[in-house]
């Protein structure tokens, strides 16, 4: 017999559902399983007082990988000093770092422990990046959807963003942290900058424990509205860096997504030395204005211009919003040209097919390359003569302009638009 409770808010709550709720403290479930959950798994952990370890594996690849999955499960359970438990693993082809993340998340829903089960970190995933690294493109990857992460780097974005904010459902944010942490250690990024978008401050401060100890290069701060947000984040970053002996810089990219944020953009951009870029998020910004985003972009022209000017004044990179229509490459190309014309150095991607179009249209054009060549040659000539200033014609050129010209030349060479030996025969 199903006993139902009638209440004002939920008129039909079956006793079976209520009883399941009452035992939640002994059962933890993490992950995804089903037709659309490729390269993932669902782990159900049940804490018991007797009976030893009962591990059940349901997987289409059980014949090939069942033994290794079982061994990993045993290692995780022993690591957390668990002697009696039921462990159901429903696998859809998950790699080890995903399996381990799901197992740990399920266990930690039931057992309180500070221990972390960490797989070995790839040596290339400890590399640092420069403050002025190229950031033409950054590809968003939902932090709780492993299938979208595994081969994302082969599309060659400048940065891969493991997203803990909007791309993760509220009830999945806890388990997503473990996946992102393990991905930072084990995922092949193919030389892309390792980026993570945390949740909005103050919730996002807790996300940093999954990120900073594991060599993320850049943290993206959503819905940033003041320099206070930057201060809080850096205070927590410093604690984690000191505790784990992290010496390389951790860059920040605040995203401006409100009218208040736009008005405070310069204050935000200059608030800390580790801010490498500031970006604008137009979906939330237009919602804050009470308007809608259009292809023409007239409703966001002021905000985009403010962000570009704030970034340039503070000496950091201005980064544009994502382009949401993943099927229209011509419109994307036009959008990139407008973005570049406004002064942006890059933009976000929500699909790998957007990356090549963004790179092609942010790449230096012939007129930019020619001007950069003239500036670099003038700089070389000034160096030879021991001059403290650089001039091009009647105009004086300061150090940031020279550096930007050098970056343009470097980009042109890397993208096949200029020969590496372009200077041969030109120097006197």
Protein backbone atom coordinates (compact mmCIF):
# COMPACT_ATOMS: atom_id res chain seq x y z
CA UNK A 1 0.00 0.00 0.00
CA UNK A 2 1.27 3.50 -0.89
CA UNK A 3 0.54 5.96 1.89
CA UNK A 4 0.09 9.48 0.49
CA UNK A 5 0.34 12.71 2.45
CA UNK A 6 -1.85 15.62 1.44
CA UNK A 7 -0.42 19.09 1.99
CA UNK A 8 -1.09 22.57 0.71
CA UNK A 9 2.09 22.73 -1.41
CA UNK A 10 2.33 19.12 -2.62
CA UNK A 11 -1.05 17.37 -2.47
CA UNK A 12 0.22 13.93 -3.44
CA UNK A 13 3.51 12.89 -1.86
CA UNK A 14 3.75 9.12 -1.76
CA UNK A 15 5.20 7.46 1.32
CA UNK A 16 7.72 5.70 -0.94
CA UNK A 17 9.16 9.05 -2.06
CA UNK A 18 9.17 10.37 1.50
CA UNK A 19 11.03 7.30 2.76
CA UNK A 20 13.66 7.73 0.03
CA UNK A 21 14.17 11.31 1.15
CA UNK A 22 14.67 10.19 4.75
CA UNK A 23 17.56 7.87 3.81
CA UNK A 24 19.37 10.33 1.56
CA UNK A 25 22.19 10.62 4.09
CA UNK A 26 23.22 7.04 3.36
CA UNK A 27 22.95 7.21 -0.45
CA UNK A 28 24.85 9.41 -2.87
CA UNK A 29 24.33 9.59 -6.63
CA UNK A 30 26.56 11.41 -9.10
CA UNK A 31 26.87 11.51 -12.88
CA UNK A 32 24.72 10.89 -15.92
CA UNK A 33 23.54 7.71 -17.60
CA UNK A 34 21.29 7.09 -20.57
CA UNK A 35 21.07 7.54 -24.32
CA UNK A 36 22.67 11.00 -24.37
CA UNK A 37 25.24 10.44 -21.62
CA UNK A 38 28.20 9.31 -23.73
CA UNK A 39 31.67 9.17 -22.16
CA UNK A 40 30.05 9.46 -18.73
CA UNK A 41 28.73 7.25 -15.96
CA UNK A 42 26.35 7.28 -13.03
CA UNK A 43 27.61 6.12 -9.66
CA UNK A 44 25.32 5.19 -6.78
CA UNK A 45 27.01 4.83 -3.41
CA UNK A 46 25.18 3.33 -0.43
CA UNK A 47 26.81 3.43 2.99
CA UNK A 48 26.34 0.20 4.97
CA UNK A 49 27.36 -1.11 8.39
CA UNK A 50 28.18 -4.66 7.30
CA UNK A 51 28.53 -6.91 4.27
CA UNK A 52 31.85 -5.62 2.93
CA UNK A 53 32.19 -3.95 -0.46
CA UNK A 54 29.57 -4.85 -3.05
CA UNK A 55 30.58 -3.43 -6.42
CA UNK A 56 28.28 -3.85 -9.41
CA UNK A 57 29.29 -2.66 -12.87
CA UNK A 58 26.85 -2.23 -15.73
CA UNK A 59 28.70 -1.31 -18.90
CA UNK A 60 28.58 -2.14 -22.60
CA UNK A 61 32.38 -2.28 -22.49
CA UNK A 62 32.48 -4.48 -19.40
CA UNK A 63 34.30 -7.27 -21.23
CA UNK A 64 37.17 -4.92 -22.13
CA UNK A 65 37.31 -2.53 -19.22
CA UNK A 66 35.30 -4.10 -16.42
CA UNK A 67 38.37 -5.23 -14.47
CA UNK A 68 40.01 -1.81 -14.62
CA UNK A 69 36.77 -0.06 -13.60
CA UNK A 70 36.41 -2.43 -10.65
CA UNK A 71 40.03 -1.88 -9.63
CA UNK A 72 39.54 1.89 -9.72
CA UNK A 73 36.38 1.58 -7.61
CA UNK A 74 38.23 -0.55 -5.05
CA UNK A 75 41.08 1.96 -4.91
CA UNK A 76 38.69 4.88 -4.38
CA UNK A 77 36.73 3.08 -1.65
CA UNK A 78 39.89 1.99 0.17
CA UNK A 79 41.33 5.51 -0.13
CA UNK A 80 38.31 6.88 1.76
CA UNK A 81 38.56 4.07 4.33
CA UNK A 82 35.21 2.58 3.35
CA UNK A 83 34.83 -1.09 4.31
CA UNK A 84 31.10 -1.65 3.90
CA UNK A 85 29.18 -0.19 0.98
CA UNK A 86 27.17 -0.82 -2.12
CA UNK A 87 28.68 0.69 -5.30
CA UNK A 88 26.70 0.65 -8.54
CA UNK A 89 28.54 1.94 -11.60
CA UNK A 90 26.45 2.44 -14.76
CA UNK A 91 29.01 3.24 -17.43
CA UNK A 92 28.67 4.75 -20.90
CA UNK A 93 32.34 4.75 -21.84
CA UNK A 94 33.71 7.12 -19.18
CA UNK A 95 37.48 7.63 -19.00
CA UNK A 96 39.26 7.21 -15.68
CA UNK A 97 39.23 10.86 -14.62
CA UNK A 98 35.45 11.00 -15.11
CA UNK A 99 34.87 7.69 -13.31
CA UNK A 100 37.00 8.82 -10.38
CA UNK A 101 35.21 12.19 -10.20
CA UNK A 102 31.77 10.56 -10.17
CA UNK A 103 32.82 8.05 -7.51
CA UNK A 104 34.25 10.73 -5.24
CA UNK A 105 31.24 13.03 -5.66
CA UNK A 106 28.82 10.21 -4.79
CA UNK A 107 30.83 9.26 -1.71
CA UNK A 108 31.16 12.85 -0.47
CA UNK A 109 27.40 13.34 -0.58
CA UNK A 110 27.31 10.83 2.30
CA UNK A 111 30.68 11.00 4.05
CA UNK A 112 32.38 14.17 5.26
CA UNK A 113 36.10 14.10 4.51
CA UNK A 114 38.81 16.53 3.42
CA UNK A 115 40.70 13.83 1.51
CA UNK A 116 40.85 14.06 -2.29
CA UNK A 117 41.34 11.15 -4.66
CA UNK A 118 43.67 12.59 -7.29
CA UNK A 119 44.90 10.85 -10.40
CA UNK A 120 48.40 11.75 -11.66
CA UNK A 121 48.59 15.14 -13.37
CA UNK A 122 49.81 15.42 -16.95
CA UNK A 123 53.10 17.34 -16.96
CA UNK A 124 51.89 19.62 -19.77
CA UNK A 125 48.91 20.60 -17.59
CA UNK A 126 51.21 22.42 -15.17
CA UNK A 127 52.49 24.94 -17.72
CA UNK A 128 51.92 28.67 -17.25
CA UNK A 129 50.72 31.28 -19.75
CA UNK A 130 51.59 34.91 -20.39
CA UNK A 131 49.39 37.84 -19.45
CA UNK A 132 49.25 38.96 -23.08
CA UNK A 133 48.78 35.48 -24.58
CA UNK A 134 46.61 35.33 -27.71
CA UNK A 135 42.96 34.99 -26.73
CA UNK A 136 41.17 35.26 -30.07
CA UNK A 137 38.90 32.38 -29.13
CA UNK A 138 37.74 30.73 -25.94
CA UNK A 139 35.49 27.66 -26.20
CA UNK A 140 32.90 27.08 -23.48
CA UNK A 141 32.56 23.48 -22.25
CA UNK A 142 29.86 22.54 -19.71
CA UNK A 143 31.65 21.42 -16.57
CA UNK A 144 29.36 18.45 -15.98
CA UNK A 145 29.31 17.10 -19.56
CA UNK A 146 32.52 15.10 -20.14
CA UNK A 147 31.70 14.07 -23.72
CA UNK A 148 32.12 17.68 -24.87
CA UNK A 149 35.50 18.02 -23.16
CA UNK A 150 37.44 15.01 -24.36
CA UNK A 151 38.45 16.10 -27.86
CA UNK A 152 37.68 19.82 -27.69
CA UNK A 153 41.33 20.81 -27.85
CA UNK A 154 41.86 19.36 -31.33
CA UNK A 155 39.85 22.29 -32.74
CA UNK A 156 42.68 24.59 -31.61
CA UNK A 157 40.91 27.33 -29.65
CA UNK A 158 43.22 29.67 -27.77
CA UNK A 159 41.46 28.73 -24.55
CA UNK A 160 39.21 25.95 -23.27
CA UNK A 161 36.73 27.06 -20.61
CA UNK A 162 35.51 24.44 -18.15
CA UNK A 163 32.26 26.12 -17.15
CA UNK A 164 30.85 25.78 -13.64
CA UNK A 165 28.30 28.58 -13.99
CA UNK A 166 25.42 28.84 -16.48
CA UNK A 167 26.22 25.58 -18.29
CA UNK A 168 25.66 23.49 -15.15
CA UNK A 169 22.25 22.85 -13.60
CA UNK A 170 21.96 24.02 -9.96
CA UNK A 171 21.53 20.49 -8.62
CA UNK A 172 24.63 19.31 -10.51
CA UNK A 173 27.10 22.00 -9.43
CA UNK A 174 28.51 19.99 -6.52
CA UNK A 175 29.50 17.02 -8.66
CA UNK A 176 30.68 19.24 -11.55
CA UNK A 177 33.49 20.57 -9.36
CA UNK A 178 35.11 17.14 -9.19
CA UNK A 179 34.90 16.67 -12.97
CA UNK A 180 36.49 20.07 -13.62
CA UNK A 181 39.23 19.42 -11.07
CA UNK A 182 40.08 16.06 -12.63
CA UNK A 183 39.91 17.50 -16.14
CA UNK A 184 42.47 20.16 -15.20
CA UNK A 185 44.79 17.32 -14.23
CA UNK A 186 44.07 14.70 -16.90
CA UNK A 187 42.42 16.26 -19.98
CA UNK A 188 44.53 16.88 -23.09
CA UNK A 189 44.17 20.62 -23.76
CA UNK A 190 46.37 20.53 -26.89
CA UNK A 191 48.19 23.69 -25.79
CA UNK A 192 44.97 25.68 -25.24
CA UNK A 193 44.97 27.92 -22.20
CA UNK A 194 43.30 26.15 -19.27
CA UNK A 195 40.39 28.38 -18.23
CA UNK A 196 37.57 27.87 -15.72
CA UNK A 197 34.45 29.98 -15.31
CA UNK A 198 33.43 29.90 -11.67
CA UNK A 199 30.02 30.76 -10.27
CA UNK A 200 29.07 34.31 -9.40
CA UNK A 201 30.71 35.72 -6.29
CA UNK A 202 30.36 34.83 -3.43
CA UNK A 203 29.41 31.25 -4.38
CA UNK A 204 32.27 31.10 -6.83
CA UNK A 205 34.83 31.55 -4.06
CA UNK A 206 34.22 27.95 -2.99
CA UNK A 207 34.83 26.75 -6.57
CA UNK A 208 38.44 27.90 -6.33
CA UNK A 209 39.41 24.93 -4.16
CA UNK A 210 38.77 22.69 -7.16
CA UNK A 211 40.80 24.89 -9.49
CA UNK A 212 43.80 26.74 -8.06
CA UNK A 213 45.72 23.73 -6.68
CA UNK A 214 45.45 22.04 -10.08
CA UNK A 215 47.17 24.62 -12.27
CA UNK A 216 44.37 26.47 -14.00
CA UNK A 217 45.85 29.31 -16.06
CA UNK A 218 42.92 31.74 -16.00
CA UNK A 219 39.76 32.19 -13.94
CA UNK A 220 36.71 33.78 -15.53
CA UNK A 221 34.53 35.78 -13.13
CA UNK A 222 30.91 36.09 -14.29
CA UNK A 223 28.66 39.05 -13.57
CA UNK A 224 31.47 41.13 -12.10
CA UNK A 225 30.27 44.53 -10.93
CA UNK A 226 33.01 46.01 -8.76
CA UNK A 227 36.65 45.85 -7.77
CA UNK A 228 35.53 44.24 -4.50
CA UNK A 229 34.76 41.04 -6.43
CA UNK A 230 38.36 40.96 -7.66
CA UNK A 231 39.72 41.56 -4.16
CA UNK A 232 37.73 38.68 -2.65
CA UNK A 233 38.77 36.29 -5.41
CA UNK A 234 42.45 37.16 -5.14
CA UNK A 235 42.41 36.75 -1.36
CA UNK A 236 41.13 33.18 -1.75
CA UNK A 237 43.48 32.46 -4.66
CA UNK A 238 46.45 33.56 -2.55
CA UNK A 239 45.43 31.20 0.27
CA UNK A 240 45.24 28.21 -2.10
CA UNK A 241 48.49 29.14 -3.88
CA UNK A 242 50.36 29.35 -0.60
CA UNK A 243 48.87 26.12 0.75
CA UNK A 244 49.72 24.13 -2.40
CA UNK A 245 52.97 25.80 -3.41
CA UNK A 246 51.62 27.27 -6.65
CA UNK A 247 54.09 29.83 -7.96
CA UNK A 248 52.90 30.59 -11.48
CA UNK A 249 50.43 33.46 -12.01
CA UNK A 250 46.70 32.79 -12.10
CA UNK A 251 45.14 35.29 -14.50
CA UNK A 252 41.65 36.74 -14.14
CA UNK A 253 39.09 37.63 -16.79
CA UNK A 254 36.08 39.42 -15.26
CA UNK A 255 32.94 39.38 -17.42
CA UNK A 256 30.90 42.60 -17.42
CA UNK A 257 27.22 41.62 -17.66
CA UNK A 258 25.22 44.48 -16.17
CA UNK A 259 24.73 48.21 -16.43
CA UNK A 260 26.51 48.66 -13.10
CA UNK A 261 29.42 46.55 -14.31
CA UNK A 262 29.76 48.65 -17.47
CA UNK A 263 29.93 51.86 -15.47
CA UNK A 264 32.61 50.32 -13.21
CA UNK A 265 34.57 48.65 -16.03
CA UNK A 266 37.74 50.75 -15.66
CA UNK A 267 37.76 50.38 -11.87
CA UNK A 268 37.49 46.61 -12.34
CA UNK A 269 40.09 46.41 -15.12
CA UNK A 270 42.79 48.21 -13.14
CA UNK A 271 42.04 46.67 -9.74
CA UNK A 272 44.71 43.91 -9.79
CA UNK A 273 47.94 43.04 -11.57
CA UNK A 274 46.72 39.55 -12.46
CA UNK A 275 43.79 40.78 -14.55
CA UNK A 276 44.75 39.77 -18.08
CA UNK A 277 41.49 40.68 -19.82
CA UNK A 278 37.95 41.87 -19.29
CA UNK A 279 35.06 40.52 -21.31
CA UNK A 280 31.48 41.54 -21.91
CA UNK A 281 28.51 39.19 -21.72
CA UNK A 282 25.75 40.57 -23.88
CA UNK A 283 22.92 38.15 -23.10
CA UNK A 284 22.80 39.13 -19.44
CA UNK A 285 23.67 42.76 -20.17
CA UNK A 286 20.73 43.28 -22.54
CA UNK A 287 18.45 41.49 -20.07
CA UNK A 288 19.61 43.90 -17.38
CA UNK A 289 18.76 46.81 -19.69
CA UNK A 290 15.32 45.35 -20.30
CA UNK A 291 15.91 45.04 -24.04
CA UNK A 292 16.82 42.19 -26.36
CA UNK A 293 20.01 41.45 -28.19
CA UNK A 294 19.90 42.13 -31.93
CA UNK A 295 22.16 41.28 -34.86
CA UNK A 296 22.85 44.98 -35.45
CA UNK A 297 24.06 45.38 -31.86
CA UNK A 298 23.04 49.03 -31.50
CA UNK A 299 21.65 48.30 -28.03
CA UNK A 300 25.12 47.20 -26.83
CA UNK A 301 27.36 49.64 -28.71
CA UNK A 302 27.84 51.89 -25.66
CA UNK A 303 28.68 48.98 -23.36
CA UNK A 304 31.10 47.35 -25.78
CA UNK A 305 32.86 50.64 -26.37
CA UNK A 306 33.09 51.26 -22.63
CA UNK A 307 34.64 47.84 -22.03
CA UNK A 308 37.18 48.32 -24.85
CA UNK A 309 38.18 51.76 -23.57
CA UNK A 310 38.39 50.55 -19.97
CA UNK A 311 40.57 47.60 -20.99
CA UNK A 312 42.92 49.70 -23.13
CA UNK A 313 43.25 52.35 -20.44
CA UNK A 314 44.13 49.66 -17.89
CA UNK A 315 46.49 47.83 -20.26
CA UNK A 316 44.53 44.57 -20.47
CA UNK A 317 42.80 42.72 -23.30
CA UNK A 318 39.18 43.54 -24.22
CA UNK A 319 37.25 40.38 -25.12
CA UNK A 320 33.84 40.36 -26.80
CA UNK A 321 30.78 38.24 -26.06
CA UNK A 322 29.80 34.96 -27.73
CA UNK A 323 27.86 34.80 -31.01
CA UNK A 324 24.88 32.56 -30.34
CA UNK A 325 23.86 31.45 -33.87
CA UNK A 326 26.15 28.46 -34.46
CA UNK A 327 24.70 27.75 -37.91
CA UNK A 328 25.38 31.11 -39.59
CA UNK A 329 29.10 31.41 -40.31
CA UNK A 330 28.68 34.45 -42.59
CA UNK A 331 26.93 36.39 -39.86
CA UNK A 332 29.62 35.29 -37.42
CA UNK A 333 32.35 36.57 -39.75
CA UNK A 334 30.61 39.95 -39.99
CA UNK A 335 30.20 40.05 -36.23
CA UNK A 336 33.91 39.37 -35.74
CA UNK A 337 34.83 42.17 -38.14
CA UNK A 338 32.63 44.59 -36.20
CA UNK A 339 34.13 43.35 -32.94
CA UNK A 340 37.66 43.83 -34.19
CA UNK A 341 36.70 47.26 -35.52
CA UNK A 342 35.52 48.28 -32.06
CA UNK A 343 38.90 47.27 -30.65
CA UNK A 344 38.28 43.82 -29.18
CA UNK A 345 41.07 41.22 -29.17
CA UNK A 346 38.86 38.11 -29.19
CA UNK A 347 35.49 36.61 -28.39
CA UNK A 348 33.81 33.55 -26.94
CA UNK A 349 32.69 30.40 -28.77
CA UNK A 350 29.88 28.01 -27.97
CA UNK A 351 30.66 25.56 -30.80
CA UNK A 352 33.97 24.34 -32.26
CA UNK A 353 32.91 25.29 -35.81
CA UNK A 354 33.10 28.96 -34.80
CA UNK A 355 36.80 28.84 -33.95
CA UNK A 356 38.27 28.93 -37.45
CA UNK A 357 36.00 31.79 -38.55
CA UNK A 358 36.94 33.80 -35.47
CA UNK A 359 40.66 33.23 -36.00
CA UNK A 360 40.52 34.12 -39.68
CA UNK A 361 38.74 37.40 -39.05
CA UNK A 362 40.71 38.47 -35.97
CA UNK A 363 43.98 37.70 -37.76
CA UNK A 364 46.07 40.71 -38.89
CA UNK A 365 45.05 42.18 -42.23
CA UNK A 366 47.59 43.29 -44.84
CA UNK A 367 47.40 46.96 -43.87
CA UNK A 368 48.00 46.05 -40.20
CA UNK A 369 50.96 43.86 -41.11
CA UNK A 370 52.56 46.60 -43.22
CA UNK A 371 52.20 49.19 -40.46
CA UNK A 372 53.59 46.73 -37.89
CA UNK A 373 56.59 46.07 -40.12
CA UNK A 374 57.34 49.78 -40.32
CA UNK A 375 57.09 50.18 -36.53
CA UNK A 376 59.33 47.17 -35.85
CA UNK A 377 61.93 48.39 -38.34
CA UNK A 378 61.86 51.88 -36.80
CA UNK A 379 62.34 50.31 -33.36
CA UNK A 380 65.32 48.28 -34.61
CA UNK A 381 66.88 51.38 -36.13
CA UNK A 382 66.43 53.35 -32.90
CA UNK A 383 68.05 50.52 -30.95
CA UNK A 384 71.07 50.52 -33.29
CA UNK A 385 71.54 54.26 -32.79
CA UNK A 386 71.13 53.99 -29.04
CA UNK A 387 68.11 56.26 -29.08
CA UNK A 388 65.74 56.27 -26.15
CA UNK A 389 62.72 57.05 -28.28
CA UNK A 390 61.22 55.53 -31.42
CA UNK A 391 59.73 57.64 -34.19
CA UNK A 392 57.90 56.80 -37.38
CA UNK A 393 57.95 59.80 -39.66
CA UNK A 394 56.99 62.72 -37.47
CA UNK A 395 55.18 60.59 -34.89
CA UNK A 396 56.66 59.32 -31.64
CA UNK A 397 55.90 55.68 -30.83
CA UNK A 398 55.69 54.47 -27.23
CA UNK A 399 56.58 51.02 -25.89
CA UNK A 400 53.03 49.53 -25.88
CA UNK A 401 52.63 50.39 -29.58
CA UNK A 402 55.94 48.71 -30.40
CA UNK A 403 54.99 45.63 -28.43
CA UNK A 404 51.62 45.46 -30.19
CA UNK A 405 53.39 45.72 -33.56
CA UNK A 406 55.73 42.91 -32.57
CA UNK A 407 52.74 40.79 -31.59
CA UNK A 408 51.10 41.52 -34.95
CA UNK A 409 54.25 40.36 -36.77
CA UNK A 410 54.42 37.24 -34.63
CA UNK A 411 50.76 36.44 -35.35
CA UNK A 412 51.17 37.05 -39.07
CA UNK A 413 54.11 34.65 -39.20
CA UNK A 414 52.31 31.97 -37.16
CA UNK A 415 49.22 32.23 -39.37
CA UNK A 416 51.20 32.00 -42.60
CA UNK A 417 50.56 35.61 -43.66
CA UNK A 418 54.19 36.68 -43.43
CA UNK A 419 57.48 34.89 -44.01
CA UNK A 420 59.67 34.39 -40.98
CA UNK A 421 62.54 35.87 -42.97
CA UNK A 422 60.62 39.04 -43.93
CA UNK A 423 63.30 41.27 -42.42
CA UNK A 424 66.19 39.81 -44.43
CA UNK A 425 67.73 42.47 -46.63
CA UNK A 426 65.66 45.27 -45.10
CA UNK A 427 67.98 46.11 -42.23
CA UNK A 428 70.86 48.41 -43.01
